Amino acid sequence: MTQQHDFHGDEIDPRLARRIADAAPDRFGAGFTSRVMQRVERERSTSLSAALEKQFLRVIPILAAASLILAAYNWWGARNSSASAIDAMLRLPQATVASAYSTDALFGSAGQPMEQP
């Protein structure tokens, strides 16, 4: 039969308990707080940049695909009315000398003649 020791309660040798209590640290070393705060700040900045990078990598492919779809849609709608494919994708109107000097092209123009004093 094996002998079992129960080290709970009053069976602990008081001298051993005192030695253990004396050997245990009762305060942190000098500079501990500043080291911990530096580490926390470093991890926080690293984790923020990592989170932003993760979200950026997740969103960019979706935005690129949406941009391509919109460019294709614009090109398809204006493919016969534009001078180039880029003008069609951006839905830029054809510019001519007549359209440049027309009053409809002026900002804020309502198509009404100016009053003469």
C-alpha atoms as a PDB file:
ATOM      1  CA  MET A   1       0.000   0.000   0.000  1.00  0.00           C
ATOM      2  CA  THR A   2       1.331   3.433  -0.975  1.00  0.00           C
ATOM      3  CA  GLN A   3       1.494   6.274   1.455  1.00  0.00           C
ATOM      4  CA  GLN A   4      -0.245   9.502   0.360  1.00  0.00           C
ATOM      5  CA  HIS A   5       0.680  12.903   1.713  1.00  0.00           C
ATOM      6  CA  ASP A   6      -1.866  15.630   2.114  1.00  0.00           C
ATOM      7  CA  PHE A   7      -0.092  18.994   2.100  1.00  0.00           C
ATOM      8  CA  HIS A   8      -3.210  21.058   2.762  1.00  0.00           C
ATOM      9  CA  GLY A   9      -4.094  22.484   6.078  1.00  0.00           C
ATOM     10  CA  ASP A  10      -1.867  22.533   9.157  1.00  0.00           C
ATOM     11  CA  GLU A  11       0.406  19.683   8.096  1.00  0.00           C
ATOM     12  CA  ILE A  12       2.848  22.057   6.329  1.00  0.00           C
ATOM     13  CA  ASP A  13       6.023  22.620   8.217  1.00  0.00           C
ATOM     14  CA  PRO A  14       5.998  26.262   9.400  1.00  0.00           C
ATOM     15  CA  ARG A  15       9.711  26.628   8.660  1.00  0.00           C
ATOM     16  CA  LEU A  16       9.174  25.480   5.070  1.00  0.00           C
ATOM     17  CA  ALA A  17       6.224  27.837   4.660  1.00  0.00           C
ATOM     18  CA  ARG A  18       8.333  30.737   5.942  1.00  0.00           C
ATOM     19  CA  ARG A  19      11.175  29.921   3.526  1.00  0.00           C
ATOM     20  CA  ILE A  20       8.750  29.784   0.595  1.00  0.00           C
ATOM     21  CA  ALA A  21       7.166  33.090   1.626  1.00  0.00           C
ATOM     22  CA  ASP A  22      10.585  34.726   1.958  1.00  0.00           C
ATOM     23  CA  ALA A  23      11.702  33.481  -1.468  1.00  0.00           C
ATOM     24  CA  ALA A  24       8.562  34.691  -3.259  1.00  0.00           C
ATOM     25  CA  PRO A  25       8.843  38.164  -4.819  1.00  0.00           C
ATOM     26  CA  ASP A  26       6.700  40.771  -3.112  1.00  0.00           C
ATOM     27  CA  ARG A  27       7.087  43.520  -5.741  1.00  0.00           C
ATOM     28  CA  PHE A  28       8.076  43.924  -9.346  1.00  0.00           C
ATOM     29  CA  GLY A  29      11.569  44.935 -10.359  1.00  0.00           C
ATOM     30  CA  ALA A  30      12.595  48.468 -11.252  1.00  0.00           C
ATOM     31  CA  GLY A  31      11.251  49.634 -14.630  1.00  0.00           C
ATOM     32  CA  PHE A  32       8.701  46.845 -14.905  1.00  0.00           C
ATOM     33  CA  THR A  33       5.771  49.200 -15.455  1.00  0.00           C
ATOM     34  CA  SER A  34       7.487  51.130 -18.219  1.00  0.00           C
ATOM     35  CA  ARG A  35       8.526  47.909 -19.989  1.00  0.00           C
ATOM     36  CA  VAL A  36       4.981  46.579 -19.863  1.00  0.00           C
ATOM     37  CA  MET A  37       3.498  49.834 -21.141  1.00  0.00           C
ATOM     38  CA  GLN A  38       6.023  49.963 -23.998  1.00  0.00           C
ATOM     39  CA  ARG A  39       5.146  46.400 -24.972  1.00  0.00           C
ATOM     40  CA  VAL A  40       1.406  47.100 -24.808  1.00  0.00           C
ATOM     41  CA  GLU A  41       1.821  50.227 -26.954  1.00  0.00           C
ATOM     42  CA  ARG A  42       3.969  48.361 -29.472  1.00  0.00           C
ATOM     43  CA  GLU A  43       1.438  45.511 -29.713  1.00  0.00           C
ATOM     44  CA  ARG A  44      -1.429  47.992 -30.048  1.00  0.00           C
ATOM     45  CA  SER A  45       0.224  49.838 -32.932  1.00  0.00           C
ATOM     46  CA  THR A  46       1.185  46.563 -34.582  1.00  0.00           C
ATOM     47  CA  SER A  47      -2.296  45.146 -34.180  1.00  0.00           C
ATOM     48  CA  LEU A  48      -3.907  48.320 -35.587  1.00  0.00           C
ATOM     49  CA  SER A  49      -1.702  48.285 -38.672  1.00  0.00           C
ATOM     50  CA  ALA A  50      -2.290  44.556 -39.094  1.00  0.00           C
ATOM     51  CA  ALA A  51      -6.062  45.046 -38.845  1.00  0.00           C
ATOM     52  CA  LEU A  52      -5.991  47.884 -41.395  1.00  0.00           C
ATOM     53  CA  GLU A  53      -3.871  45.807 -43.758  1.00  0.00           C
ATOM     54  CA  LYS A  54      -6.228  42.844 -43.399  1.00  0.00           C
ATOM     55  CA  GLN A  55      -9.280  44.995 -44.170  1.00  0.00           C
ATOM     56  CA  PHE A  56      -7.485  46.684 -47.073  1.00  0.00           C
ATOM     57  CA  LEU A  57      -6.605  43.325 -48.615  1.00  0.00           C
ATOM     58  CA  ARG A  58     -10.177  42.150 -48.155  1.00  0.00           C
ATOM     59  CA  VAL A  59     -11.849  45.226 -49.691  1.00  0.00           C
ATOM     60  CA  ILE A  60      -9.504  46.072 -52.596  1.00  0.00           C
ATOM     61  CA  PRO A  61     -10.403  43.095 -54.828  1.00  0.00           C
ATOM     62  CA  ILE A  62     -14.095  43.910 -54.449  1.00  0.00           C
ATOM     63  CA  LEU A  63     -13.520  47.580 -55.301  1.00  0.00           C
ATOM     64  CA  ALA A  64     -11.334  46.688 -58.291  1.00  0.00           C
ATOM     65  CA  ALA A  65     -13.992  44.326 -59.628  1.00  0.00           C
ATOM     66  CA  ALA A  66     -16.705  46.958 -59.155  1.00  0.00           C
ATOM     67  CA  SER A  67     -14.580  49.539 -60.978  1.00  0.00           C
ATOM     68  CA  LEU A  68     -14.057  47.194 -63.905  1.00  0.00           C
ATOM     69  CA  ILE A  69     -17.758  46.409 -64.076  1.00  0.00           C
ATOM     70  CA  LEU A  70     -18.663  50.121 -64.068  1.00  0.00           C
ATOM     71  CA  ALA A  71     -16.062  50.877 -66.759  1.00  0.00           C
ATOM     72  CA  ALA A  72     -17.418  48.063 -68.942  1.00  0.00           C
ATOM     73  CA  TYR A  73     -20.987  49.274 -68.404  1.00  0.00           C
ATOM     74  CA  ASN A  74     -20.047  52.844 -69.324  1.00  0.00           C
ATOM     75  CA  TRP A  75     -18.133  51.659 -72.377  1.00  0.00           C
ATOM     76  CA  TRP A  76     -21.064  49.534 -73.531  1.00  0.00           C
ATOM     77  CA  GLY A  77     -23.530  52.407 -73.185  1.00  0.00           C
ATOM     78  CA  ALA A  78     -21.354  54.953 -75.016  1.00  0.00           C
ATOM     79  CA  ARG A  79     -19.381  52.764 -77.429  1.00  0.00           C
ATOM     80  CA  ASN A  80     -21.035  54.240 -80.553  1.00  0.00           C
ATOM     81  CA  SER A  81     -21.088  57.882 -79.466  1.00  0.00           C
ATOM     82  CA  SER A  82     -17.477  58.433 -78.295  1.00  0.00           C
ATOM     83  CA  ALA A  83     -14.276  58.955 -80.219  1.00  0.00           C
ATOM     84  CA  SER A  84     -12.236  56.473 -78.161  1.00  0.00           C
ATOM     85  CA  ALA A  85     -12.758  53.592 -75.778  1.00  0.00           C
ATOM     86  CA  ILE A  86     -11.452  55.674 -72.845  1.00  0.00           C
ATOM     87  CA  ASP A  87     -13.954  58.455 -73.601  1.00  0.00           C
ATOM     88  CA  ALA A  88     -16.673  55.812 -73.765  1.00  0.00           C
ATOM     89  CA  MET A  89     -15.638  54.283 -70.408  1.00  0.00           C
ATOM     90  CA  LEU A  90     -15.581  57.679 -68.733  1.00  0.00           C
ATOM     91  CA  ARG A  91     -18.706  58.852 -70.603  1.00  0.00           C
ATOM     92  CA  LEU A  92     -16.927  61.979 -71.807  1.00  0.00           C
ATOM     93  CA  PRO A  93     -18.869  63.931 -74.423  1.00  0.00           C
ATOM     94  CA  GLN A  94     -17.215  64.651 -77.741  1.00  0.00           C
ATOM     95  CA  ALA A  95     -15.717  68.129 -77.690  1.00  0.00           C
ATOM     96  CA  THR A  96     -15.907  70.248 -80.803  1.00  0.00           C
ATOM     97  CA  VAL A  97     -15.265  73.915 -81.428  1.00  0.00           C
ATOM     98  CA  ALA A  98     -19.004  74.512 -81.741  1.00  0.00           C
ATOM     99  CA  SER A  99     -19.765  72.778 -78.441  1.00  0.00           C
ATOM    100  CA  ALA A 100     -16.957  74.692 -76.707  1.00  0.00           C
ATOM    101  CA  TYR A 101     -18.404  78.087 -77.741  1.00  0.00           C
ATOM    102  CA  SER A 102     -22.059  77.246 -77.228  1.00  0.00           C
ATOM    103  CA  THR A 103     -23.825  78.926 -74.327  1.00  0.00           C
ATOM    104  CA  ASP A 104     -25.134  75.571 -73.077  1.00  0.00           C
ATOM    105  CA  ALA A 105     -21.566  74.576 -72.221  1.00  0.00           C
ATOM    106  CA  LEU A 106     -21.066  77.573 -69.922  1.00  0.00           C
ATOM    107  CA  PHE A 107     -21.312  76.957 -66.203  1.00  0.00           C
ATOM    108  CA  GLY A 108     -24.601  78.218 -64.801  1.00  0.00           C
ATOM    109  CA  SER A 109     -26.029  79.019 -68.218  1.00  0.00           C
ATOM    110  CA  ALA A 110     -29.793  78.699 -68.474  1.00  0.00           C
ATOM    111  CA  GLY A 111     -29.873  79.353 -72.203  1.00  0.00           C
ATOM    112  CA  GLN A 112     -31.209  82.881 -71.745  1.00  0.00           C
ATOM    113  CA  PRO A 113     -29.546  85.879 -73.381  1.00  0.00           C
ATOM    114  CA  MET A 114     -27.668  88.323 -71.175  1.00  0.00           C
ATOM    115  CA  GLU A 115     -29.365  91.642 -70.440  1.00  0.00           C
ATOM    116  CA  GLN A 116     -27.894  94.720 -72.059  1.00  0.00           C
ATOM    117  CA  PRO A 117     -27.810  97.923 -69.950  1.00  0.00           C
END
